[in-house]
Amino acid sequence: MNGSSLAGLRVIDASRVLAGPYCGQMLGDHGADVIKIEPPAGDETRTFGPPVNAGGAAYYQALNRNKRGVVLDLNREDAREVFWRMLEGADVLIENFKPSTLASWGVPDPASLCERYPRLIHCRITGFGDDGPMGGRPGYDAAVQAACGLMSVNGEADGPPLRLGVPMVDLATGMQATIAVLTALAERTRSGRGQLCDVALHDCALSVAHPHLANYLWTGKTPARSGNGHPNIAPYDAFDTATVPVYVAVGNERQFATLCAQLGHPGLAQDPRFLRNVDRIANRGELREELARLLAGQDGRKLAESLTGAGVPVAPILDVAEAIATPHAAHREMALSQGEYRGPGFPIKLSRTPASLRTLPPLPGEHGDEVLREAGYGDAEIARLREAGALGPPR
């Protein structure tokens, strides 16, 4: 047993693609024993490349470290019996099966798994939930972005709606799923009972539509796209300089006064049009013109450094390669490397029980025999299951 915070926790990750695997990886990073179950064809993200190496695509590997891999053909009854037995010793199940799939396995109600396994935390990730007008529909990140208004507020004011450049819905859902698992585990320490965690991409997408959804619920006005600007704060926007574009993120009056002073125009902060944030929002066009003129001749990197030092959040707009190459990203250990593996670092830094890279993303079925032995199967039984195809095509 390792010394990580979730050591001793057994997680069955039977999910695919992004949200579920991301949740499983976060639990694994902090010490849980995560067993990834894949169908014979594998998690489809193994092919989401390039880049791809022998372990699969970078996309797959960034979501599946610190897991052990098992292949089960759950279309077969004998493979499902292995799955049910594995759940007997599990603390957590993460899955994103279709309701019809579970029903065909004799599980008409997902909540019934917690009746069959009373201590199990069953984390079920779906597109829209299992009931309601849209219940049971499949959900992929971009489609849910479209359905939940996120695309409608992303893009230039006079341009079309745009997909967010990262799969924010899937990532947010994976994070919420992790929170759901941890809160259910905390409650289990008191009750001794597991429960179903119902986590839907739809709900998570609406929950992160901030501040646009909150603004609408207060005013009844449909939010519009504002490009790089912010609907509630000004100046909060991107500007060109003589070198690189910068983002100016002023959150209060002190920061605005400091910005104006650093740009050599302290009186701008006393202009009645820009005195308070509400004034600056009302006159954001004029404010943008003033700041664009003052910033146009500046060295963006030097200006960002001096303004940040003065307490004003300003940053050069970097690409991904530049961002991960900064000394600070290196200091925070946000790029992991081991053998051929490359992946994002651990965002949570615990002082006593930090996350660690213990095992690389598994090859398909890499740990099948050892996991089945732990579930009580003998070598002869494993050989029979393998020959029958329950563990994927016979070798």
Protein backbone atom coordinates (compact mmCIF):
# COMPACT_ATOMS: atom_id res chain seq x y z
CA MET A 1 0.00 0.00 0.00
CA ASN A 2 1.43 3.38 -0.98
CA GLY A 3 1.46 6.52 1.17
CA SER A 4 -0.83 8.56 -1.05
CA SER A 5 -4.06 10.12 0.18
CA LEU A 6 -6.36 7.60 -1.54
CA ALA A 7 -4.22 4.51 -0.92
CA GLY A 8 -6.35 1.43 -0.34
CA LEU A 9 -9.23 2.67 -2.49
CA ARG A 10 -10.22 0.26 -5.28
CA VAL A 11 -11.78 1.92 -8.34
CA ILE A 12 -13.22 0.14 -11.36
CA ASP A 13 -13.07 2.57 -14.28
CA ALA A 14 -15.32 1.12 -16.97
CA SER A 15 -15.73 4.47 -18.71
CA ARG A 16 -14.44 5.58 -22.09
CA VAL A 17 -13.32 8.74 -23.90
CA LEU A 18 -12.78 11.74 -21.59
CA ALA A 19 -14.94 12.68 -18.58
CA GLY A 20 -14.90 9.28 -16.85
CA PRO A 21 -11.26 8.45 -17.58
CA TYR A 22 -10.25 11.93 -16.36
CA CYS A 23 -12.07 11.28 -13.09
CA GLY A 24 -10.41 7.87 -12.77
CA GLN A 25 -6.99 9.35 -13.46
CA MET A 26 -7.39 12.01 -10.79
CA LEU A 27 -8.27 9.33 -8.25
CA GLY A 28 -5.33 7.23 -9.45
CA ASP A 29 -2.93 10.16 -9.27
CA HIS A 30 -3.68 10.40 -5.56
CA GLY A 31 -3.12 6.74 -4.83
CA ALA A 32 -6.31 4.83 -5.66
CA ASP A 33 -5.90 1.43 -7.29
CA VAL A 34 -7.73 2.15 -10.55
CA ILE A 35 -8.54 -0.73 -12.86
CA LYS A 36 -9.45 0.38 -16.37
CA ILE A 37 -11.80 -1.97 -18.18
CA GLU A 38 -11.82 -1.71 -21.96
CA PRO A 39 -13.79 -3.53 -24.66
CA PRO A 40 -11.84 -5.69 -27.10
CA ALA A 41 -11.65 -2.77 -29.56
CA GLY A 42 -10.17 -0.57 -26.84
CA ASP A 43 -11.06 2.90 -25.64
CA GLU A 44 -11.55 4.85 -28.87
CA THR A 45 -9.25 7.62 -27.66
CA ARG A 46 -6.32 5.25 -28.23
CA THR A 47 -6.75 6.21 -31.89
CA PHE A 48 -7.33 9.97 -31.38
CA GLY A 49 -4.05 10.98 -32.97
CA PRO A 50 -1.54 11.89 -34.10
CA PRO A 51 0.61 11.86 -32.10
CA VAL A 52 0.52 8.12 -31.42
CA ASN A 53 3.10 5.65 -30.11
CA ALA A 54 2.97 2.00 -29.06
CA GLY A 55 0.86 2.92 -26.02
CA GLY A 56 -1.76 4.75 -28.08
CA ALA A 57 -2.48 8.39 -28.80
CA ALA A 58 -1.25 11.22 -26.60
CA TYR A 59 -4.95 11.99 -26.09
CA TYR A 60 -5.49 8.58 -24.47
CA GLN A 61 -2.29 8.61 -22.46
CA ALA A 62 -3.07 12.02 -20.94
CA LEU A 63 -6.22 10.55 -19.36
CA ASN A 64 -5.18 7.05 -18.26
CA ARG A 65 -1.97 7.06 -16.23
CA ASN A 66 -1.91 5.38 -12.81
CA LYS A 67 -4.34 2.67 -13.92
CA ARG A 68 -4.12 -1.05 -14.50
CA GLY A 69 -5.63 -2.34 -17.74
CA VAL A 70 -8.08 -5.21 -18.25
CA VAL A 71 -9.94 -6.16 -21.44
CA LEU A 72 -13.45 -7.61 -20.97
CA ASP A 73 -15.94 -8.31 -23.72
CA LEU A 74 -18.98 -7.31 -21.70
CA ASN A 75 -21.28 -8.45 -24.50
CA ARG A 76 -20.55 -11.93 -23.18
CA GLU A 77 -22.18 -13.29 -20.05
CA ASP A 78 -18.98 -14.93 -18.81
CA ALA A 79 -17.14 -11.59 -19.04
CA ARG A 80 -19.96 -9.85 -17.17
CA GLU A 81 -19.63 -12.42 -14.40
CA VAL A 82 -15.98 -11.37 -14.08
CA PHE A 83 -17.13 -7.74 -13.94
CA TRP A 84 -19.69 -8.44 -11.20
CA ARG A 85 -17.08 -10.30 -9.17
CA MET A 86 -14.63 -7.41 -9.51
CA LEU A 87 -17.31 -5.07 -8.13
CA GLU A 88 -17.55 -7.19 -4.99
CA GLY A 89 -14.15 -5.87 -3.89
CA ALA A 90 -14.50 -2.37 -5.30
CA ASP A 91 -15.15 0.91 -3.52
CA VAL A 92 -16.00 2.91 -6.65
CA LEU A 93 -17.38 2.18 -10.10
CA ILE A 94 -17.07 4.82 -12.84
CA GLU A 95 -19.06 4.08 -16.01
CA ASN A 96 -20.78 5.79 -18.91
CA PHE A 97 -22.74 2.92 -20.44
CA LYS A 98 -25.97 3.50 -22.37
CA PRO A 99 -29.11 2.78 -20.33
CA SER A 100 -30.05 0.13 -22.91
CA THR A 101 -26.70 -1.56 -22.37
CA LEU A 102 -27.22 -1.80 -18.63
CA ALA A 103 -30.78 -3.03 -19.16
CA SER A 104 -29.54 -5.79 -21.48
CA TRP A 105 -27.25 -6.89 -18.64
CA GLY A 106 -30.16 -7.21 -16.24
CA VAL A 107 -29.65 -3.79 -14.62
CA PRO A 108 -32.92 -1.95 -15.40
CA ASP A 109 -32.17 0.80 -12.88
CA PRO A 110 -28.58 2.04 -12.37
CA ALA A 111 -29.33 2.72 -8.69
CA SER A 112 -29.88 -1.01 -8.21
CA LEU A 113 -26.14 -1.69 -8.38
CA CYS A 114 -25.78 0.01 -5.00
CA GLU A 115 -28.43 -2.38 -3.64
CA ARG A 116 -26.47 -5.34 -4.99
CA TYR A 117 -23.18 -3.90 -3.65
CA PRO A 118 -24.19 -1.87 -0.57
CA ARG A 119 -20.83 -0.11 -0.05
CA LEU A 120 -20.26 0.72 -3.71
CA ILE A 121 -19.99 4.34 -4.85
CA HIS A 122 -21.48 4.12 -8.35
CA CYS A 123 -20.42 7.17 -10.41
CA ARG A 124 -22.58 7.22 -13.52
CA ILE A 125 -21.64 9.75 -16.20
CA THR A 126 -24.15 10.44 -18.97
CA GLY A 127 -24.86 13.10 -21.54
CA PHE A 128 -28.23 14.27 -20.22
CA GLY A 129 -29.12 11.92 -17.37
CA ASP A 130 -31.26 8.81 -17.64
CA ASP A 131 -34.68 10.47 -17.39
CA GLY A 132 -36.46 13.67 -18.37
CA PRO A 133 -37.24 14.99 -21.86
CA MET A 134 -33.66 14.49 -23.05
CA GLY A 135 -32.79 11.56 -20.81
CA GLY A 136 -30.80 8.78 -22.40
CA ARG A 137 -29.50 10.86 -25.28
CA PRO A 138 -25.80 10.48 -26.08
CA GLY A 139 -23.63 13.45 -25.22
CA TYR A 140 -20.30 14.53 -26.65
CA ASP A 141 -18.52 17.65 -25.47
CA ALA A 142 -19.06 19.89 -28.50
CA ALA A 143 -22.71 18.91 -28.92
CA VAL A 144 -23.36 19.67 -25.26
CA GLN A 145 -21.51 22.99 -25.60
CA ALA A 146 -23.96 23.79 -28.38
CA ALA A 147 -27.02 22.59 -26.47
CA CYS A 148 -26.18 24.42 -23.24
CA GLY A 149 -25.35 27.88 -24.56
CA LEU A 150 -21.57 27.81 -24.19
CA MET A 151 -20.94 28.19 -27.91
CA SER A 152 -23.44 31.05 -28.09
CA VAL A 153 -21.29 33.25 -25.83
CA ASN A 154 -17.95 32.27 -27.37
CA GLY A 155 -16.60 34.21 -30.33
CA GLU A 156 -16.53 37.75 -31.65
CA ALA A 157 -19.63 39.88 -31.25
CA ASP A 158 -20.20 40.03 -35.01
CA GLY A 159 -19.07 36.47 -35.71
CA PRO A 160 -20.64 33.02 -35.44
CA PRO A 161 -20.81 30.94 -32.24
CA LEU A 162 -17.58 29.00 -31.68
CA ARG A 163 -16.71 25.79 -29.91
CA LEU A 164 -14.46 26.41 -26.91
CA GLY A 165 -10.90 25.47 -27.84
CA VAL A 166 -10.67 22.82 -25.10
CA PRO A 167 -13.28 20.15 -24.22
CA MET A 168 -14.43 22.17 -21.23
CA VAL A 169 -17.66 20.23 -20.71
CA ASP A 170 -15.93 16.86 -20.52
CA LEU A 171 -13.17 18.21 -18.28
CA ALA A 172 -15.62 19.97 -15.95
CA THR A 173 -17.72 16.81 -15.82
CA GLY A 174 -14.66 14.74 -14.92
CA MET A 175 -13.85 17.16 -12.12
CA GLN A 176 -17.44 17.16 -10.84
CA ALA A 177 -17.45 13.38 -10.98
CA THR A 178 -14.32 13.30 -8.85
CA ILE A 179 -15.95 15.63 -6.33
CA ALA A 180 -19.06 13.43 -6.36
CA VAL A 181 -17.00 10.31 -5.62
CA LEU A 182 -15.08 11.97 -2.81
CA THR A 183 -18.19 13.44 -1.17
CA ALA A 184 -19.97 10.07 -1.37
CA LEU A 185 -16.93 8.36 0.15
CA ALA A 186 -16.91 10.91 2.98
CA GLU A 187 -20.59 10.19 3.67
CA ARG A 188 -19.91 6.45 3.59
CA THR A 189 -17.58 6.81 6.56
CA ARG A 190 -20.67 7.78 8.59
CA SER A 191 -23.36 5.55 7.09
CA GLY A 192 -21.34 2.61 5.82
CA ARG A 193 -23.40 2.75 2.63
CA GLY A 194 -22.59 3.62 -0.95
CA GLN A 195 -24.83 5.53 -3.34
CA LEU A 196 -25.37 6.48 -6.96
CA CYS A 197 -23.58 9.61 -8.19
CA ASP A 198 -25.59 10.89 -11.18
CA VAL A 199 -23.31 13.25 -13.15
CA ALA A 200 -24.49 14.57 -16.53
CA LEU A 201 -22.54 16.60 -19.09
CA HIS A 202 -25.66 18.76 -19.59
CA ASP A 203 -25.80 19.79 -15.93
CA CYS A 204 -22.07 20.40 -15.68
CA ALA A 205 -22.10 22.55 -18.82
CA LEU A 206 -24.86 24.76 -17.42
CA SER A 207 -23.07 24.98 -14.07
CA VAL A 208 -19.94 26.48 -15.69
CA ALA A 209 -21.84 28.94 -17.93
CA HIS A 210 -20.74 31.72 -15.59
CA PRO A 211 -21.51 34.61 -15.42
CA HIS A 212 -23.76 34.38 -18.46
CA LEU A 213 -26.39 32.10 -16.95
CA ALA A 214 -26.45 34.04 -13.68
CA ASN A 215 -26.81 37.31 -15.58
CA TYR A 216 -29.71 35.90 -17.60
CA LEU A 217 -31.50 34.52 -14.54
CA TRP A 218 -31.34 37.97 -12.94
CA THR A 219 -32.22 40.09 -15.98
CA GLY A 220 -34.02 37.91 -18.50
CA LYS A 221 -31.70 39.27 -21.20
CA THR A 222 -30.05 36.75 -23.50
CA PRO A 223 -26.23 37.08 -23.24
CA ALA A 224 -24.32 38.06 -26.36
CA ARG A 225 -20.83 37.22 -27.56
CA SER A 226 -18.18 39.73 -26.49
CA GLY A 227 -15.00 38.36 -28.07
CA ASN A 228 -12.13 38.60 -25.62
CA GLY A 229 -14.05 41.06 -23.48
CA HIS A 230 -15.95 40.31 -20.29
CA PRO A 231 -19.67 41.02 -19.89
CA ASN A 232 -19.32 42.24 -16.29
CA ILE A 233 -15.81 43.73 -15.95
CA ALA A 234 -13.77 46.39 -17.79
CA PRO A 235 -11.04 46.66 -18.79
CA TYR A 236 -10.90 42.89 -19.16
CA ASP A 237 -9.76 42.33 -22.72
CA ALA A 238 -6.93 41.56 -25.15
CA PHE A 239 -4.87 44.38 -26.65
CA ASP A 240 -2.14 44.60 -29.27
CA THR A 241 1.25 46.04 -28.35
CA ALA A 242 4.36 46.76 -30.37
CA THR A 243 5.58 43.18 -29.71
CA VAL A 244 3.09 40.60 -28.47
CA PRO A 245 -0.62 40.85 -27.64
CA VAL A 246 -1.44 41.05 -23.96
CA TYR A 247 -4.48 40.40 -21.84
CA VAL A 248 -5.41 43.08 -19.32
CA ALA A 249 -7.56 41.72 -16.47
CA VAL A 250 -8.46 44.60 -14.15
CA GLY A 251 -10.76 43.53 -11.33
CA ASN A 252 -11.08 46.60 -9.12
CA GLU A 253 -10.61 50.38 -8.93
CA ARG A 254 -7.13 50.19 -7.37
CA GLN A 255 -5.87 48.04 -10.20
CA PHE A 256 -7.37 50.38 -12.79
CA ALA A 257 -5.71 53.40 -11.15
CA THR A 258 -2.38 51.57 -11.10
CA LEU A 259 -2.75 50.60 -14.76
CA CYS A 260 -3.39 54.22 -15.77
CA ALA A 261 -0.46 55.47 -13.70
CA GLN A 262 1.91 52.85 -15.14
CA LEU A 263 0.84 53.88 -18.65
CA GLY A 264 1.66 57.50 -17.84
CA HIS A 265 -1.94 58.74 -17.74
CA PRO A 266 -3.09 58.69 -14.09
CA GLY A 267 -5.87 61.15 -14.85
CA LEU A 268 -7.68 58.52 -16.92
CA ALA A 269 -8.75 56.82 -13.70
CA GLN A 270 -10.48 60.05 -12.62
CA ASP A 271 -12.37 60.47 -15.87
CA PRO A 272 -16.09 60.34 -14.96
CA ARG A 273 -16.63 57.87 -17.81
CA PHE A 274 -14.25 55.38 -16.20
CA LEU A 275 -14.49 56.13 -12.47
CA ARG A 276 -16.17 52.88 -11.41
CA ASN A 277 -16.52 49.48 -13.04
CA VAL A 278 -20.16 50.21 -13.84
CA ASP A 279 -19.04 53.39 -15.61
CA ARG A 280 -16.36 51.57 -17.54
CA ILE A 281 -18.87 48.92 -18.65
CA ALA A 282 -21.23 51.66 -19.85
CA ASN A 283 -18.38 53.29 -21.81
CA ARG A 284 -16.34 50.24 -22.72
CA GLY A 285 -15.91 51.33 -26.36
CA GLU A 286 -14.32 54.64 -25.41
CA LEU A 287 -12.20 52.95 -22.75
CA ARG A 288 -10.93 50.39 -25.21
CA GLU A 289 -9.94 53.12 -27.66
CA GLU A 290 -7.99 54.97 -24.95
CA LEU A 291 -6.15 51.87 -23.76
CA ALA A 292 -5.46 50.59 -27.27
CA ARG A 293 -3.76 53.88 -28.08
CA LEU A 294 -1.65 53.79 -24.90
CA LEU A 295 -0.66 50.14 -25.32
CA ALA A 296 0.13 50.20 -29.03
CA GLY A 297 3.71 51.39 -28.61
CA GLN A 298 4.59 49.26 -25.58
CA ASP A 299 6.77 46.17 -25.36
CA GLY A 300 4.11 43.67 -24.34
CA ARG A 301 6.33 41.32 -22.37
CA LYS A 302 8.09 44.06 -20.43
CA LEU A 303 4.81 45.83 -19.77
CA ALA A 304 3.19 42.64 -18.47
CA GLU A 305 6.14 42.06 -16.16
CA SER A 306 6.05 45.59 -14.72
CA LEU A 307 2.27 45.72 -14.37
CA THR A 308 2.10 42.31 -12.73
CA GLY A 309 4.79 43.45 -10.30
CA ALA A 310 2.63 46.47 -9.51
CA GLY A 311 -0.37 44.27 -8.77
CA VAL A 312 -2.23 44.50 -12.09
CA PRO A 313 -3.01 41.11 -13.72
CA VAL A 314 -1.61 41.45 -17.25
CA ALA A 315 -0.08 38.63 -19.28
CA PRO A 316 1.35 38.16 -22.75
CA ILE A 317 -0.86 35.86 -24.82
CA LEU A 318 1.27 32.74 -25.23
CA ASP A 319 0.73 29.65 -27.32
CA VAL A 320 0.73 26.21 -25.69
CA ALA A 321 4.40 25.58 -26.48
CA GLU A 322 5.43 28.90 -24.91
CA ALA A 323 3.20 28.38 -21.86
CA ILE A 324 4.60 24.98 -20.90
CA ALA A 325 8.18 26.19 -21.53
CA THR A 326 8.05 28.97 -18.94
CA PRO A 327 10.33 28.66 -15.89
CA HIS A 328 7.26 28.81 -13.67
CA ALA A 329 5.59 25.86 -15.40
CA ALA A 330 8.83 23.95 -14.84
CA HIS A 331 8.94 25.05 -11.19
CA ARG A 332 5.36 23.84 -10.70
CA GLU A 333 6.26 20.54 -12.44
CA MET A 334 3.39 20.82 -14.92
CA ALA A 335 4.98 18.60 -17.57
CA LEU A 336 5.65 14.95 -16.70
CA SER A 337 8.10 12.77 -18.56
CA GLN A 338 8.96 9.10 -18.01
CA GLY A 339 10.33 6.96 -20.81
CA GLU A 340 8.16 7.68 -23.85
CA TYR A 341 5.37 9.06 -21.68
CA ARG A 342 4.66 12.79 -21.77
CA GLY A 343 1.71 14.29 -19.98
CA PRO A 344 0.36 17.23 -17.99
CA GLY A 345 1.50 17.49 -14.40
CA PHE A 346 -0.57 17.27 -11.22
CA PRO A 347 -2.64 20.39 -10.58
CA ILE A 348 -3.28 19.52 -6.91
CA LYS A 349 -0.25 19.81 -4.65
CA LEU A 350 -0.75 18.10 -1.28
CA SER A 351 1.94 18.81 1.30
CA ARG A 352 2.10 15.39 2.99
CA THR A 353 0.62 12.97 0.46
CA PRO A 354 1.34 14.40 -2.99
CA ALA A 355 0.17 12.90 -6.25
CA SER A 356 2.69 10.74 -8.10
CA LEU A 357 3.24 8.99 -11.41
CA ARG A 358 3.37 5.35 -10.34
CA THR A 359 2.31 3.51 -13.49
CA LEU A 360 2.19 4.52 -17.13
CA PRO A 361 -1.06 4.28 -19.12
CA PRO A 362 -1.73 0.57 -19.62
CA LEU A 363 -1.47 -1.32 -22.86
CA PRO A 364 -4.74 -3.09 -23.76
CA GLY A 365 -5.33 -5.82 -21.19
CA GLU A 366 -1.82 -5.41 -19.78
CA HIS A 367 -2.80 -6.33 -16.21
CA GLY A 368 -5.64 -8.72 -16.93
CA ASP A 369 -4.17 -11.86 -15.39
CA GLU A 370 -3.03 -10.20 -12.15
CA VAL A 371 -6.35 -8.41 -11.64
CA LEU A 372 -8.34 -11.60 -12.22
CA ARG A 373 -6.12 -13.49 -9.78
CA GLU A 374 -6.85 -10.79 -7.19
CA ALA A 375 -10.56 -11.37 -7.85
CA GLY A 376 -10.11 -15.05 -6.99
CA TYR A 377 -9.65 -16.63 -10.42
CA GLY A 378 -7.14 -19.43 -10.84
CA ASP A 379 -4.79 -19.72 -13.80
CA ALA A 380 -6.90 -22.46 -15.40
CA GLU A 381 -10.07 -20.32 -15.13
CA ILE A 382 -8.26 -17.35 -16.62
CA ALA A 383 -7.00 -19.50 -19.49
CA ARG A 384 -10.54 -20.74 -20.18
CA LEU A 385 -11.93 -17.18 -20.16
CA ARG A 386 -9.18 -16.07 -22.49
CA GLU A 387 -9.69 -18.96 -24.88
CA ALA A 388 -13.43 -18.32 -24.94
CA GLY A 389 -12.89 -14.67 -25.86
CA ALA A 390 -14.23 -13.12 -22.64
CA LEU A 391 -10.91 -11.27 -22.26
CA GLY A 392 -10.83 -10.19 -25.88
CA PRO A 393 -9.71 -12.17 -28.91
CA PRO A 394 -7.64 -15.22 -27.92
CA ARG A 395 -3.92 -14.58 -28.12
